[in-house]
Amino acid sequence: MVPILSLWLPILLSAVVVFILSSIVHMMLPIHKGDTKALPSEGEIMEALRKFDLPPGDYMMPRAGSMEAMKSPEFLEKMKKGPVAVMTVIPNGPPNMGTFLFQWFLFCVLVGVLAAYVTGRALGPGAHYLQVFRFAGAVTFIAYSIAQIPQSIWYRRSWGTTMRFVVDGFVYALFSAGVFGWLWPK
């Protein structure tokens, strides 16, 4: 067993490596260019929604208030007639990339802490590189990739988009596992 505090360097370094990799993937490579589509007549749709002054939040339309309401002829007709949408409304104005990037880095640190915890409980000091790689890689892959899949199952995000994020997570996991294997206590 390896105490989690003795793994602070691989935790932080793996977070930095993933942060840099994700910046490269999202800013320099065209992989995620098609993840979202523009609405036809975007301006008209934005104008139509603007009058409702929607507060930030997650919305679904049509939305039934209960399981019973989902069975009602009125709700079923709305579903058939459409449009059917899941929508996230965010605050107006330019995005605060600093806040987003800070939160992403904290998430990367959290993933590193979880990988350190599981790997540190499973293996002792001096564990072979590939053993450390396997445990840390599995945990980081689960954290970065597998959690993406329910978005396609429940909220109908494009499976192509989800699979691109899963591949991103696989790459992040490989590098994180490499950092943990390299810096594992002897």
Foldseek 3Di string as FASTA:
>chain_A
DADLVVCLVLLLVLLVVLLVLVCCCPPPDCLCVPQDDQDVVNVVVCVVCVVVVDDFDKDWPPDAPDPVSCPDPVNVVDVVVDDTAIDTDDDDDDDPVVVVSVVSSVLSSVLSSVLSVQLPVVDDAPDALVSLLVSQLVSQLCSQQVVLVVCCVPRVRDVSSNVSSSVSSNVSSNSSSNSCSVPGHD
